[in-house]
Amino acid sequence: MEHFIDDSRPIFIQIAERIENDIIAGELGEESQVPSTNQFASFYQINPATAAKGVNLLVDQGILYKRRGLGIYVASGARARLLEKHREKFFEQYVKTMLQEAEKLGITREALIEMIHQEVKVS
């Protein structure tokens, strides 16, 4: 786990994103137990209720689930759902924005594709 909290964004959102990123990266496998809210609270030096709010956000989305008396676990299919969600977000934030900006600058889609191909060849 990273030990970094960004003061400009709600901490509970950052906790949820950290868990999502760990699932996507394969650091938290499906059906594996996630750290407890008390562990998150201790690690990040935050209120346990704040940590619980981040975890519960993912429980509400079906990414995590609770086993009474045992803890919180990653749901089956969570990684695939998160990848799809992040791909959609990537498309909205980057691809659509890039296409709109290219259009404003008079860059054709063909020229844009060529720019991307050139960059990939260089990298």
Protein backbone atom coordinates (compact mmCIF):
# COMPACT_ATOMS: atom_id res chain seq x y z
CA MET A 1 0.00 0.00 0.00
CA GLU A 2 1.14 3.51 -0.74
CA HIS A 3 1.43 5.80 2.20
CA PHE A 4 0.27 8.91 0.30
CA ILE A 5 -2.92 10.86 0.89
CA ASP A 6 -3.86 13.78 -1.37
CA ASP A 7 -5.43 16.53 0.73
CA SER A 8 -7.33 17.94 -2.25
CA ARG A 9 -9.63 14.90 -2.58
CA PRO A 10 -11.83 13.04 -0.09
CA ILE A 11 -9.80 10.40 1.75
CA PHE A 12 -12.53 7.75 1.49
CA ILE A 13 -12.44 8.08 -2.32
CA GLN A 14 -8.68 7.64 -2.26
CA ILE A 15 -9.02 4.50 -0.13
CA ALA A 16 -11.54 3.06 -2.62
CA GLU A 17 -9.26 3.95 -5.56
CA ARG A 18 -6.25 2.37 -3.83
CA ILE A 19 -8.19 -0.88 -3.42
CA GLU A 20 -9.41 -0.70 -7.05
CA ASN A 21 -5.85 -0.16 -8.28
CA ASP A 22 -4.57 -3.08 -6.19
CA ILE A 23 -7.27 -5.33 -7.69
CA ILE A 24 -6.50 -4.20 -11.25
CA ALA A 25 -2.74 -4.70 -10.67
CA GLY A 26 -3.38 -8.20 -9.34
CA GLU A 27 -2.05 -7.37 -5.88
CA LEU A 28 -5.48 -8.23 -4.47
CA GLY A 29 -6.84 -11.32 -6.17
CA GLU A 30 -10.48 -12.26 -6.44
CA GLU A 31 -11.77 -13.96 -3.30
CA SER A 32 -8.78 -12.64 -1.34
CA GLN A 33 -9.25 -10.72 1.89
CA VAL A 34 -8.65 -6.97 1.87
CA PRO A 35 -7.14 -5.14 4.82
CA SER A 36 -9.62 -4.27 7.52
CA THR A 37 -10.90 -0.74 7.99
CA ASN A 38 -8.85 -0.58 11.19
CA GLN A 39 -5.72 -1.56 9.25
CA PHE A 40 -6.42 1.18 6.68
CA ALA A 41 -7.09 3.66 9.48
CA SER A 42 -3.86 2.78 11.25
CA PHE A 43 -1.76 2.76 8.09
CA TYR A 44 -3.04 6.10 6.80
CA GLN A 45 -3.58 7.58 10.29
CA ILE A 46 -7.22 8.36 9.60
CA ASN A 47 -10.51 7.77 11.36
CA PRO A 48 -11.76 4.15 10.98
CA ALA A 49 -15.16 5.54 9.90
CA THR A 50 -13.47 7.28 6.96
CA ALA A 51 -11.72 4.05 5.94
CA ALA A 52 -15.02 2.16 6.29
CA LYS A 53 -16.74 4.69 4.02
CA GLY A 54 -14.20 3.95 1.25
CA VAL A 55 -14.51 0.19 1.68
CA ASN A 56 -18.32 0.35 1.81
CA LEU A 57 -18.35 2.33 -1.43
CA LEU A 58 -16.82 -0.72 -3.13
CA VAL A 59 -19.13 -3.10 -1.25
CA ASP A 60 -22.11 -1.10 -2.58
CA GLN A 61 -20.69 -1.46 -6.12
CA GLY A 62 -20.28 -5.23 -5.75
CA ILE A 63 -16.48 -5.05 -6.03
CA LEU A 64 -16.03 -6.21 -2.43
CA TYR A 65 -18.27 -8.25 -0.18
CA LYS A 66 -18.42 -8.88 3.55
CA ARG A 67 -18.23 -12.27 5.23
CA ARG A 68 -19.79 -11.91 8.65
CA GLY A 69 -17.11 -12.26 11.29
CA LEU A 70 -14.38 -12.99 8.75
CA GLY A 71 -13.72 -9.72 6.96
CA ILE A 72 -14.05 -8.14 3.56
CA TYR A 73 -13.16 -9.94 0.34
CA VAL A 74 -12.73 -9.16 -3.35
CA ALA A 75 -15.75 -10.38 -5.32
CA SER A 76 -15.46 -12.78 -8.25
CA GLY A 77 -15.39 -10.83 -11.50
CA ALA A 78 -14.29 -7.63 -9.72
CA ARG A 79 -11.13 -7.18 -11.79
CA ALA A 80 -12.99 -7.50 -15.10
CA ARG A 81 -15.67 -5.02 -13.97
CA LEU A 82 -13.01 -2.56 -12.79
CA LEU A 83 -11.05 -2.87 -16.03
CA GLU A 84 -14.19 -2.09 -18.03
CA LYS A 85 -15.01 0.87 -15.77
CA HIS A 86 -11.46 2.25 -16.10
CA ARG A 87 -11.44 1.74 -19.88
CA GLU A 88 -14.67 3.72 -20.18
CA LYS A 89 -13.19 6.45 -17.99
CA PHE A 90 -10.00 6.46 -20.10
CA PHE A 91 -12.06 6.81 -23.28
CA GLU A 92 -14.09 9.69 -21.86
CA GLN A 93 -11.18 11.55 -20.27
CA TYR A 94 -8.48 11.04 -22.87
CA VAL A 95 -9.65 9.71 -26.21
CA LYS A 96 -12.77 11.87 -26.61
CA THR A 97 -10.92 14.91 -25.31
CA MET A 98 -8.01 14.28 -27.70
CA LEU A 99 -10.37 13.90 -30.66
CA GLN A 100 -12.21 17.11 -29.76
CA GLU A 101 -8.95 19.02 -29.39
CA ALA A 102 -7.60 17.63 -32.67
CA GLU A 103 -10.77 18.74 -34.43
CA LYS A 104 -10.39 22.26 -32.99
CA LEU A 105 -6.81 22.36 -34.27
CA GLY A 106 -7.79 21.09 -37.72
CA ILE A 107 -5.95 17.79 -37.29
CA THR A 108 -7.68 15.04 -39.25
CA ARG A 109 -8.28 11.68 -37.64
CA GLU A 110 -5.88 10.14 -40.15
CA ALA A 111 -3.15 12.62 -39.16
CA LEU A 112 -3.87 11.93 -35.49
CA ILE A 113 -3.58 8.18 -36.04
CA GLU A 114 -0.27 8.76 -37.83
CA MET A 115 0.98 10.84 -34.87
CA ILE A 116 0.12 7.99 -32.51
CA HIS A 117 1.86 5.43 -34.77
CA GLN A 118 4.99 7.60 -34.88
CA GLU A 119 5.03 7.93 -31.08
CA VAL A 120 4.60 4.18 -30.61
CA LYS A 121 7.53 3.51 -33.00
CA VAL A 122 9.74 5.93 -31.03
CA SER A 123 8.88 4.50 -27.61
